Amino acid sequence: MKDSLSQEQRETELAGLLAAGWEMENGRDAIVKTYRFRDFADAMGFMTRAAIWAEKWNHHPEWSNVYNRVTVTLTSHDIDGLSARDVKLARKLDTLSGAT
């Protein structure tokens, strides 16, 4: 699972994430999404749930939090680009946020 996404995967799996609100990050092979929550406590709860899964899967996001917003960037640093691990974690984050 450490290989870059194939062109076919980009057209199918990545396209589904883009339709769900993820965006390609300018200047890198990475995807980014900002989640909005009711308040700071809900945002932090999301980050805690996400951290458990990220640690379990040994794939950690780049993220930031400002009050009720959490911005997440996913890329696989070991291959300097997107991999199936990023797609898997993005889907999990959407589920955890209630954005599915």
PDB file of N, CA and C in Angstrom:
ATOM      1  N   MET A   1       0.809  -1.198   0.000  1.00  0.00           N
ATOM      2  CA  MET A   1       0.000   0.000   0.000  1.00  0.00           C
ATOM      3  C   MET A   1       0.850   1.258   0.000  1.00  0.00           C
ATOM      4  N   LYS A   2       2.113   1.142  -0.256  1.00  0.00           N
ATOM      5  CA  LYS A   2       2.969   2.322  -0.213  1.00  0.00           C
ATOM      6  C   LYS A   2       3.179   2.948  -1.581  1.00  0.00           C
ATOM      7  N   ASP A   3       2.518   2.446  -2.595  1.00  0.00           N
ATOM      8  CA  ASP A   3       2.690   2.983  -3.933  1.00  0.00           C
ATOM      9  C   ASP A   3       1.799   4.180  -4.166  1.00  0.00           C
ATOM     10  N   SER A   4       2.246   5.045  -5.050  1.00  0.00           N
ATOM     11  CA  SER A   4       1.424   6.188  -5.456  1.00  0.00           C
ATOM     12  C   SER A   4       0.134   5.700  -6.093  1.00  0.00           C
ATOM     13  N   LEU A   5      -0.889   6.546  -6.037  1.00  0.00           N
ATOM     14  CA  LEU A   5      -2.141   6.199  -6.696  1.00  0.00           C
ATOM     15  C   LEU A   5      -1.920   6.092  -8.199  1.00  0.00           C
ATOM     16  N   SER A   6      -2.476   5.058  -8.798  1.00  0.00           N
ATOM     17  CA  SER A   6      -2.415   4.904 -10.245  1.00  0.00           C
ATOM     18  C   SER A   6      -3.368   5.905 -10.891  1.00  0.00           C
ATOM     19  N   GLN A   7      -3.235   6.080 -12.176  1.00  0.00           N
ATOM     20  CA  GLN A   7      -4.142   6.974 -12.889  1.00  0.00           C
ATOM     21  C   GLN A   7      -5.580   6.481 -12.744  1.00  0.00           C
ATOM     22  N   GLU A   8      -5.779   5.175 -12.800  1.00  0.00           N
ATOM     23  CA  GLU A   8      -7.129   4.606 -12.645  1.00  0.00           C
ATOM     24  C   GLU A   8      -7.693   4.912 -11.254  1.00  0.00           C
ATOM     25  N   GLN A   9      -6.874   4.770 -10.223  1.00  0.00           N
ATOM     26  CA  GLN A   9      -7.321   5.077  -8.862  1.00  0.00           C
ATOM     27  C   GLN A   9      -7.651   6.564  -8.711  1.00  0.00           C
ATOM     28  N   ARG A  10      -6.870   7.404  -9.353  1.00  0.00           N
ATOM     29  CA  ARG A  10      -7.149   8.842  -9.292  1.00  0.00           C
ATOM     30  C   ARG A  10      -8.498   9.151  -9.941  1.00  0.00           C
ATOM     31  N   GLU A  11      -8.825   8.453 -11.009  1.00  0.00           N
ATOM     32  CA  GLU A  11     -10.076   8.703 -11.724  1.00  0.00           C
ATOM     33  C   GLU A  11     -11.282   8.135 -10.988  1.00  0.00           C
ATOM     34  N   THR A  12     -11.085   7.136 -10.142  1.00  0.00           N
ATOM     35  CA  THR A  12     -12.211   6.519  -9.449  1.00  0.00           C
ATOM     36  C   THR A  12     -12.245   6.923  -7.982  1.00  0.00           C
ATOM     37  N   GLU A  13     -11.299   6.435  -7.202  1.00  0.00           N
ATOM     38  CA  GLU A  13     -11.308   6.667  -5.757  1.00  0.00           C
ATOM     39  C   GLU A  13     -11.083   8.130  -5.390  1.00  0.00           C
ATOM     40  N   LEU A  14     -10.106   8.760  -5.998  1.00  0.00           N
ATOM     41  CA  LEU A  14      -9.824  10.159  -5.687  1.00  0.00           C
ATOM     42  C   LEU A  14     -10.955  11.054  -6.173  1.00  0.00           C
ATOM     43  N   ALA A  15     -11.535  10.711  -7.307  1.00  0.00           N
ATOM     44  CA  ALA A  15     -12.655  11.501  -7.828  1.00  0.00           C
ATOM     45  C   ALA A  15     -13.820  11.498  -6.844  1.00  0.00           C
ATOM     46  N   GLY A  16     -14.061  10.387  -6.183  1.00  0.00           N
ATOM     47  CA  GLY A  16     -15.127  10.325  -5.184  1.00  0.00           C
ATOM     48  C   GLY A  16     -14.874  11.240  -4.005  1.00  0.00           C
ATOM     49  N   LEU A  17     -13.618  11.334  -3.581  1.00  0.00           N
ATOM     50  CA  LEU A  17     -13.273  12.235  -2.481  1.00  0.00           C
ATOM     51  C   LEU A  17     -13.433  13.694  -2.897  1.00  0.00           C
ATOM     52  N   LEU A  18     -13.022  14.007  -4.109  1.00  0.00           N
ATOM     53  CA  LEU A  18     -13.161  15.376  -4.599  1.00  0.00           C
ATOM     54  C   LEU A  18     -14.640  15.770  -4.653  1.00  0.00           C
ATOM     55  N   ALA A  19     -15.500  14.827  -5.015  1.00  0.00           N
ATOM     56  CA  ALA A  19     -16.939  15.087  -5.036  1.00  0.00           C
ATOM     57  C   ALA A  19     -17.490  15.288  -3.627  1.00  0.00           C
ATOM     58  N   ALA A  20     -16.786  14.739  -2.615  1.00  0.00           N
ATOM     59  CA  ALA A  20     -17.217  14.848  -1.219  1.00  0.00           C
ATOM     60  C   ALA A  20     -16.613  16.064  -0.515  1.00  0.00           C
ATOM     61  N   GLY A  21     -15.976  16.957  -1.266  1.00  0.00           N
ATOM     62  CA  GLY A  21     -15.485  18.194  -0.679  1.00  0.00           C
ATOM     63  C   GLY A  21     -13.985  18.286  -0.477  1.00  0.00           C
ATOM     64  N   TRP A  22     -13.263  17.216  -0.726  1.00  0.00           N
ATOM     65  CA  TRP A  22     -11.800  17.300  -0.674  1.00  0.00           C
ATOM     66  C   TRP A  22     -11.336  18.073  -1.903  1.00  0.00           C
ATOM     67  N   GLU A  23     -10.187  18.716  -1.796  1.00  0.00           N
ATOM     68  CA  GLU A  23      -9.607  19.463  -2.915  1.00  0.00           C
ATOM     69  C   GLU A  23      -8.144  19.087  -3.053  1.00  0.00           C
ATOM     70  N   MET A  24      -7.633  19.205  -4.255  1.00  0.00           N
ATOM     71  CA  MET A  24      -6.205  19.027  -4.461  1.00  0.00           C
ATOM     72  C   MET A  24      -5.504  20.253  -3.889  1.00  0.00           C
ATOM     73  N   GLU A  25      -4.410  20.030  -3.180  1.00  0.00           N
ATOM     74  CA  GLU A  25      -3.660  21.161  -2.638  1.00  0.00           C
ATOM     75  C   GLU A  25      -2.734  21.714  -3.715  1.00  0.00           C
ATOM     76  N   ASN A  26      -2.705  23.015  -3.855  1.00  0.00           N
ATOM     77  CA  ASN A  26      -1.857  23.654  -4.853  1.00  0.00           C
ATOM     78  C   ASN A  26      -0.387  23.362  -4.590  1.00  0.00           C
ATOM     79  N   GLY A  27       0.324  22.953  -5.616  1.00  0.00           N
ATOM     80  CA  GLY A  27       1.766  22.775  -5.528  1.00  0.00           C
ATOM     81  C   GLY A  27       2.240  21.465  -4.956  1.00  0.00           C
ATOM     82  N   ARG A  28       1.338  20.575  -4.564  1.00  0.00           N
ATOM     83  CA  ARG A  28       1.742  19.266  -4.034  1.00  0.00           C
ATOM     84  C   ARG A  28       0.741  18.201  -4.448  1.00  0.00           C
ATOM     85  N   ASP A  29       1.186  16.974  -4.368  1.00  0.00           N
ATOM     86  CA  ASP A  29       0.301  15.839  -4.598  1.00  0.00           C
ATOM     87  C   ASP A  29      -0.322  15.473  -3.254  1.00  0.00           C
ATOM     88  N   ALA A  30      -1.319  16.269  -2.863  1.00  0.00           N
ATOM     89  CA  ALA A  30      -1.974  16.123  -1.567  1.00  0.00           C
ATOM     90  C   ALA A  30      -3.414  16.589  -1.699  1.00  0.00           C
ATOM     91  N   ILE A  31      -4.257  16.116  -0.777  1.00  0.00           N
ATOM     92  CA  ILE A  31      -5.642  16.563  -0.724  1.00  0.00           C
ATOM     93  C   ILE A  31      -5.877  17.278   0.600  1.00  0.00           C
ATOM     94  N   VAL A  32      -6.818  18.225   0.572  1.00  0.00           N
ATOM     95  CA  VAL A  32      -7.091  19.038   1.758  1.00  0.00           C
ATOM     96  C   VAL A  32      -8.604  19.243   1.899  1.00  0.00           C
ATOM     97  N   LYS A  33      -9.053  19.298   3.145  1.00  0.00           N
ATOM     98  CA  LYS A  33     -10.466  19.553   3.422  1.00  0.00           C
ATOM     99  C   LYS A  33     -10.580  20.261   4.759  1.00  0.00           C
ATOM    100  N   THR A  34     -11.512  21.203   4.820  1.00  0.00           N
ATOM    101  CA  THR A  34     -11.809  21.873   6.083  1.00  0.00           C
ATOM    102  C   THR A  34     -13.175  21.407   6.572  1.00  0.00           C
ATOM    103  N   TYR A  35     -13.182  20.881   7.779  1.00  0.00           N
ATOM    104  CA  TYR A  35     -14.418  20.451   8.428  1.00  0.00           C
ATOM    105  C   TYR A  35     -14.860  21.564   9.368  1.00  0.00           C
ATOM    106  N   ARG A  36     -16.159  21.782   9.454  1.00  0.00           N
ATOM    107  CA  ARG A  36     -16.723  22.775  10.368  1.00  0.00           C
ATOM    108  C   ARG A  36     -17.645  22.060  11.348  1.00  0.00           C
ATOM    109  N   PHE A  37     -17.507  22.423  12.605  1.00  0.00           N
ATOM    110  CA  PHE A  37     -18.274  21.799  13.670  1.00  0.00           C
ATOM    111  C   PHE A  37     -19.077  22.861  14.423  1.00  0.00           C
ATOM    112  N   ARG A  38     -19.933  22.408  15.304  1.00  0.00           N
ATOM    113  CA  ARG A  38     -20.783  23.323  16.076  1.00  0.00           C
ATOM    114  C   ARG A  38     -19.963  24.257  16.950  1.00  0.00           C
ATOM    115  N   ASP A  39     -18.901  23.703  17.559  1.00  0.00           N
ATOM    116  CA  ASP A  39     -18.087  24.503  18.471  1.00  0.00           C
ATOM    117  C   ASP A  39     -16.704  23.863  18.619  1.00  0.00           C
ATOM    118  N   PHE A  40     -15.890  24.462  19.462  1.00  0.00           N
ATOM    119  CA  PHE A  40     -14.527  23.990  19.684  1.00  0.00           C
ATOM    120  C   PHE A  40     -14.503  22.566  20.247  1.00  0.00           C
ATOM    121  N   ALA A  41     -15.385  22.274  21.178  1.00  0.00           N
ATOM    122  CA  ALA A  41     -15.407  20.933  21.786  1.00  0.00           C
ATOM    123  C   ALA A  41     -15.693  19.857  20.739  1.00  0.00           C
ATOM    124  N   ASP A  42     -16.623  20.122  19.828  1.00  0.00           N
ATOM    125  CA  ASP A  42     -16.912  19.152  18.765  1.00  0.00           C
ATOM    126  C   ASP A  42     -15.719  18.990  17.830  1.00  0.00           C
ATOM    127  N   ALA A  43     -15.040  20.088  17.518  1.00  0.00           N
ATOM    128  CA  ALA A  43     -13.852  20.016  16.660  1.00  0.00           C
ATOM    129  C   ALA A  43     -12.766  19.176  17.324  1.00  0.00           C
ATOM    130  N   MET A  44     -12.549  19.408  18.610  1.00  0.00           N
ATOM    131  CA  MET A  44     -11.524  18.645  19.332  1.00  0.00           C
ATOM    132  C   MET A  44     -11.917  17.178  19.473  1.00  0.00           C
ATOM    133  N   GLY A  45     -13.198  16.916  19.646  1.00  0.00           N
ATOM    134  CA  GLY A  45     -13.664  15.529  19.699  1.00  0.00           C
ATOM    135  C   GLY A  45     -13.364  14.803  18.392  1.00  0.00           C
ATOM    136  N   PHE A  46     -13.621  15.476  17.271  1.00  0.00           N
ATOM    137  CA  PHE A  46     -13.301  14.905  15.964  1.00  0.00           C
ATOM    138  C   PHE A  46     -11.807  14.609  15.858  1.00  0.00           C
ATOM    139  N   MET A  47     -10.985  15.568  16.272  1.00  0.00           N
ATOM    140  CA  MET A  47      -9.539  15.381  16.174  1.00  0.00           C
ATOM    141  C   MET A  47      -9.082  14.195  17.039  1.00  0.00           C
ATOM    142  N   THR A  48      -9.683  14.033  18.200  1.00  0.00           N
ATOM    143  CA  THR A  48      -9.322  12.915  19.073  1.00  0.00           C
ATOM    144  C   THR A  48      -9.708  11.587  18.429  1.00  0.00           C
ATOM    145  N   ARG A  49     -10.928  11.503  17.906  1.00  0.00           N
ATOM    146  CA  ARG A  49     -11.358  10.262  17.230  1.00  0.00           C
ATOM    147  C   ARG A  49     -10.465   9.971  16.025  1.00  0.00           C
ATOM    148  N   ALA A  50     -10.162  11.015  15.255  1.00  0.00           N
ATOM    149  CA  ALA A  50      -9.308  10.852  14.069  1.00  0.00           C
ATOM    150  C   ALA A  50      -7.902  10.407  14.464  1.00  0.00           C
ATOM    151  N   ALA A  51      -7.378  10.956  15.556  1.00  0.00           N
ATOM    152  CA  ALA A  51      -6.025  10.599  16.000  1.00  0.00           C
ATOM    153  C   ALA A  51      -5.926   9.122  16.357  1.00  0.00           C
ATOM    154  N   ILE A  52      -6.977   8.578  16.933  1.00  0.00           N
ATOM    155  CA  ILE A  52      -6.972   7.150  17.282  1.00  0.00           C
ATOM    156  C   ILE A  52      -6.829   6.294  16.031  1.00  0.00           C
ATOM    157  N   TRP A  53      -7.606   6.622  14.990  1.00  0.00           N
ATOM    158  CA  TRP A  53      -7.523   5.857  13.741  1.00  0.00           C
ATOM    159  C   TRP A  53      -6.189   6.085  13.032  1.00  0.00           C
ATOM    160  N   ALA A  54      -5.716   7.321  13.015  1.00  0.00           N
ATOM    161  CA  ALA A  54      -4.440   7.623  12.363  1.00  0.00           C
ATOM    162  C   ALA A  54      -3.313   6.831  13.018  1.00  0.00           C
ATOM    163  N   GLU A  55      -3.323   6.774  14.328  1.00  0.00           N
ATOM    164  CA  GLU A  55      -2.289   6.019  15.042  1.00  0.00           C
ATOM    165  C   GLU A  55      -2.413   4.525  14.767  1.00  0.00           C
ATOM    166  N   LYS A  56      -3.645   4.038  14.783  1.00  0.00           N
ATOM    167  CA  LYS A  56      -3.892   2.613  14.508  1.00  0.00           C
ATOM    168  C   LYS A  56      -3.371   2.220  13.124  1.00  0.00           C
ATOM    169  N   TRP A  57      -3.572   3.095  12.147  1.00  0.00           N
ATOM    170  CA  TRP A  57      -3.163   2.815  10.768  1.00  0.00           C
ATOM    171  C   TRP A  57      -1.770   3.346  10.457  1.00  0.00           C
ATOM    172  N   ASN A  58      -1.106   3.956  11.442  1.00  0.00           N
ATOM    173  CA  ASN A  58       0.235   4.519  11.261  1.00  0.00           C
ATOM    174  C   ASN A  58       0.309   5.440  10.040  1.00  0.00           C
ATOM    175  N   HIS A  59      -0.686   6.301   9.946  1.00  0.00           N
ATOM    176  CA  HIS A  59      -0.729   7.267   8.840  1.00  0.00           C
ATOM    177  C   HIS A  59      -1.324   8.554   9.394  1.00  0.00           C
ATOM    178  N   HIS A  60      -0.505   9.555   9.549  1.00  0.00           N
ATOM    179  CA  HIS A  60      -0.880  10.732  10.322  1.00  0.00           C
ATOM    180  C   HIS A  60      -1.086  11.954   9.436  1.00  0.00           C
ATOM    181  N   PRO A  61      -2.190  12.658   9.648  1.00  0.00           N
ATOM    182  CA  PRO A  61      -2.488  13.839   8.826  1.00  0.00           C
ATOM    183  C   PRO A  61      -1.694  15.062   9.251  1.00  0.00           C
ATOM    184  N   GLU A  62      -1.599  15.997   8.344  1.00  0.00           N
ATOM    185  CA  GLU A  62      -1.181  17.356   8.678  1.00  0.00           C
ATOM    186  C   GLU A  62      -2.499  18.071   8.951  1.00  0.00           C
ATOM    187  N   TRP A  63      -2.611  18.742  10.099  1.00  0.00           N
ATOM    188  CA  TRP A  63      -3.878  19.403  10.383  1.00  0.00           C
ATOM    189  C   TRP A  63      -3.706  20.604  11.286  1.00  0.00           C
ATOM    190  N   SER A  64      -4.747  21.431  11.277  1.00  0.00           N
ATOM    191  CA  SER A  64      -4.766  22.583  12.166  1.00  0.00           C
ATOM    192  C   SER A  64      -6.200  22.804  12.623  1.00  0.00           C
ATOM    193  N   ASN A  65      -6.321  23.469  13.762  1.00  0.00           N
ATOM    194  CA  ASN A  65      -7.629  23.743  14.339  1.00  0.00           C
ATOM    195  C   ASN A  65      -7.714  25.218  14.723  1.00  0.00           C
ATOM    196  N   VAL A  66      -8.794  25.856  14.315  1.00  0.00           N
ATOM    197  CA  VAL A  66      -9.130  27.200  14.767  1.00  0.00           C
ATOM    198  C   VAL A  66     -10.610  27.155  15.154  1.00  0.00           C
ATOM    199  N   TYR A  67     -10.864  27.281  16.442  1.00  0.00           N
ATOM    200  CA  TYR A  67     -12.190  27.237  17.035  1.00  0.00           C
ATOM    201  C   TYR A  67     -12.990  26.032  16.531  1.00  0.00           C
ATOM    202  N   ASN A  68     -13.951  26.223  15.638  1.00  0.00           N
ATOM    203  CA  ASN A  68     -14.814  25.112  15.216  1.00  0.00           C
ATOM    204  C   ASN A  68     -14.414  24.515  13.867  1.00  0.00           C
ATOM    205  N   ARG A  69     -13.227  24.874  13.371  1.00  0.00           N
ATOM    206  CA  ARG A  69     -12.766  24.375  12.069  1.00  0.00           C
ATOM    207  C   ARG A  69     -11.516  23.517  12.243  1.00  0.00           C
ATOM    208  N   VAL A  70     -11.483  22.428  11.493  1.00  0.00           N
ATOM    209  CA  VAL A  70     -10.296  21.581  11.434  1.00  0.00           C
ATOM    210  C   VAL A  70      -9.942  21.410   9.962  1.00  0.00           C
ATOM    211  N   THR A  71      -8.750  21.853   9.584  1.00  0.00           N
ATOM    212  CA  THR A  71      -8.281  21.689   8.219  1.00  0.00           C
ATOM    213  C   THR A  71      -7.291  20.537   8.194  1.00  0.00           C
ATOM    214  N   VAL A  72      -7.539  19.589   7.287  1.00  0.00           N
ATOM    215  CA  VAL A  72      -6.742  18.364   7.196  1.00  0.00           C
ATOM    216  C   VAL A  72      -6.101  18.290   5.817  1.00  0.00           C
ATOM    217  N   THR A  73      -4.805  17.995   5.795  1.00  0.00           N
ATOM    218  CA  THR A  73      -4.087  17.733   4.548  1.00  0.00           C
ATOM    219  C   THR A  73      -3.558  16.309   4.622  1.00  0.00           C
ATOM    220  N   LEU A  74      -3.800  15.553   3.558  1.00  0.00           N
ATOM    221  CA  LEU A  74      -3.312  14.177   3.488  1.00  0.00           C
ATOM    222  C   LEU A  74      -2.380  13.995   2.308  1.00  0.00           C
ATOM    223  N   THR A  75      -1.252  13.373   2.575  1.00  0.00           N
ATOM    224  CA  THR A  75      -0.280  12.951   1.571  1.00  0.00           C
ATOM    225  C   THR A  75       0.594  11.907   2.246  1.00  0.00           C
ATOM    226  N   SER A  76       1.211  11.063   1.468  1.00  0.00           N
ATOM    227  CA  SER A  76       2.113  10.043   2.031  1.00  0.00           C
ATOM    228  C   SER A  76       3.538  10.558   1.896  1.00  0.00           C
ATOM    229  N   HIS A  77       4.103  10.950   3.016  1.00  0.00           N
ATOM    230  CA  HIS A  77       5.418  11.580   2.990  1.00  0.00           C
ATOM    231  C   HIS A  77       6.516  10.650   2.482  1.00  0.00           C
ATOM    232  N   ASP A  78       6.370   9.354   2.730  1.00  0.00           N
ATOM    233  CA  ASP A  78       7.417   8.420   2.313  1.00  0.00           C
ATOM    234  C   ASP A  78       7.494   8.264   0.799  1.00  0.00           C
ATOM    235  N   ILE A  79       6.421   8.611   0.084  1.00  0.00           N
ATOM    236  CA  ILE A  79       6.454   8.555  -1.384  1.00  0.00           C
ATOM    237  C   ILE A  79       6.262   9.938  -2.002  1.00  0.00           C
ATOM    238  N   ASP A  80       6.140  10.950  -1.148  1.00  0.00           N
ATOM    239  CA  ASP A  80       5.965  12.330  -1.589  1.00  0.00           C
ATOM    240  C   ASP A  80       4.778  12.480  -2.525  1.00  0.00           C
ATOM    241  N   GLY A  81       3.652  11.880  -2.131  1.00  0.00           N
ATOM    242  CA  GLY A  81       2.449  11.976  -2.947  1.00  0.00           C
ATOM    243  C   GLY A  81       1.311  11.173  -2.366  1.00  0.00           C
ATOM    244  N   LEU A  82       0.226  11.118  -3.108  1.00  0.00           N
ATOM    245  CA  LEU A  82      -0.968  10.424  -2.653  1.00  0.00           C
ATOM    246  C   LEU A  82      -0.863   8.919  -2.845  1.00  0.00           C
ATOM    247  N   SER A  83      -1.371   8.202  -1.845  1.00  0.00           N
ATOM    248  CA  SER A  83      -1.405   6.743  -1.901  1.00  0.00           C
ATOM    249  C   SER A  83      -2.782   6.266  -1.451  1.00  0.00           C
ATOM    250  N   ALA A  84      -2.985   4.965  -1.523  1.00  0.00           N
ATOM    251  CA  ALA A  84      -4.239   4.367  -1.066  1.00  0.00           C
ATOM    252  C   ALA A  84      -4.464   4.634   0.417  1.00  0.00           C
ATOM    253  N   ARG A  85      -3.395   4.815   1.188  1.00  0.00           N
ATOM    254  CA  ARG A  85      -3.534   5.129   2.622  1.00  0.00           C
ATOM    255  C   ARG A  85      -4.232   6.466   2.818  1.00  0.00           C
ATOM    256  N   ASP A  86      -3.960   7.422   1.944  1.00  0.00           N
ATOM    257  CA  ASP A  86      -4.605   8.733   2.043  1.00  0.00           C
ATOM    258  C   ASP A  86      -6.096   8.627   1.744  1.00  0.00           C
ATOM    259  N   VAL A  87      -6.442   7.854   0.739  1.00  0.00           N
ATOM    260  CA  VAL A  87      -7.849   7.649   0.392  1.00  0.00           C
ATOM    261  C   VAL A  87      -8.573   6.981   1.561  1.00  0.00           C
ATOM    262  N   LYS A  88      -7.975   5.953   2.131  1.00  0.00           N
ATOM    263  CA  LYS A  88      -8.570   5.234   3.260  1.00  0.00           C
ATOM    264  C   LYS A  88      -8.793   6.175   4.447  1.00  0.00           C
ATOM    265  N   LEU A  89      -7.795   6.978   4.798  1.00  0.00           N
ATOM    266  CA  LEU A  89      -7.928   7.875   5.940  1.00  0.00           C
ATOM    267  C   LEU A  89      -8.930   8.990   5.644  1.00  0.00           C
ATOM    268  N   ALA A  90      -8.955   9.505   4.430  1.00  0.00           N
ATOM    269  CA  ALA A  90      -9.919  10.552   4.068  1.00  0.00           C
ATOM    270  C   ALA A  90     -11.349  10.048   4.239  1.00  0.00           C
ATOM    271  N   ARG A  91     -11.600   8.844   3.787  1.00  0.00           N
ATOM    272  CA  ARG A  91     -12.945   8.265   3.943  1.00  0.00           C
ATOM    273  C   ARG A  91     -13.303   8.115   5.419  1.00  0.00           C
ATOM    274  N   LYS A  92     -12.352   7.661   6.224  1.00  0.00           N
ATOM    275  CA  LYS A  92     -12.596   7.505   7.660  1.00  0.00           C
ATOM    276  C   LYS A  92     -12.878   8.855   8.305  1.00  0.00           C
ATOM    277  N   LEU A  93     -12.106   9.882   7.935  1.00  0.00           N
ATOM    278  CA  LEU A  93     -12.331  11.211   8.493  1.00  0.00           C
ATOM    279  C   LEU A  93     -13.717  11.731   8.145  1.00  0.00           C
ATOM    280  N   ASP A  94     -14.150  11.515   6.919  1.00  0.00           N
ATOM    281  CA  ASP A  94     -15.492  11.934   6.528  1.00  0.00           C
ATOM    282  C   ASP A  94     -16.540  11.225   7.384  1.00  0.00           C
ATOM    283  N   THR A  95     -16.347   9.946   7.618  1.00  0.00           N
ATOM    284  CA  THR A  95     -17.279   9.192   8.458  1.00  0.00           C
ATOM    285  C   THR A  95     -17.275   9.717   9.895  1.00  0.00           C
ATOM    286  N   LEU A  96     -16.099   9.939  10.439  1.00  0.00           N
ATOM    287  CA  LEU A  96     -15.981  10.420  11.812  1.00  0.00           C
ATOM    288  C   LEU A  96     -16.581  11.816  11.994  1.00  0.00           C
ATOM    289  N   SER A  97     -16.534  12.612  10.948  1.00  0.00           N
ATOM    290  CA  SER A  97     -17.042  13.993  11.035  1.00  0.00           C
ATOM    291  C   SER A  97     -18.550  14.056  10.837  1.00  0.00           C
ATOM    292  N   GLY A  98     -19.126  12.981  10.327  1.00  0.00           N
ATOM    293  CA  GLY A  98     -20.538  12.995   9.979  1.00  0.00           C
ATOM    294  C   GLY A  98     -20.793  13.575   8.606  1.00  0.00           C
ATOM    295  N   ALA A  99     -19.735  13.755   7.818  1.00  0.00           N
ATOM    296  CA  ALA A  99     -19.849  14.377   6.492  1.00  0.00           C
ATOM    297  C   ALA A  99     -20.102  13.369   5.379  1.00  0.00           C
ATOM    298  N   THR A 100     -20.462  12.152   5.706  1.00  0.00           N
ATOM    299  CA  THR A 100     -20.646  11.139   4.659  1.00  0.00           C
ATOM    300  C   THR A 100     -21.953  11.293   3.930  1.00  0.00           C
TER     301      THR A 100
END
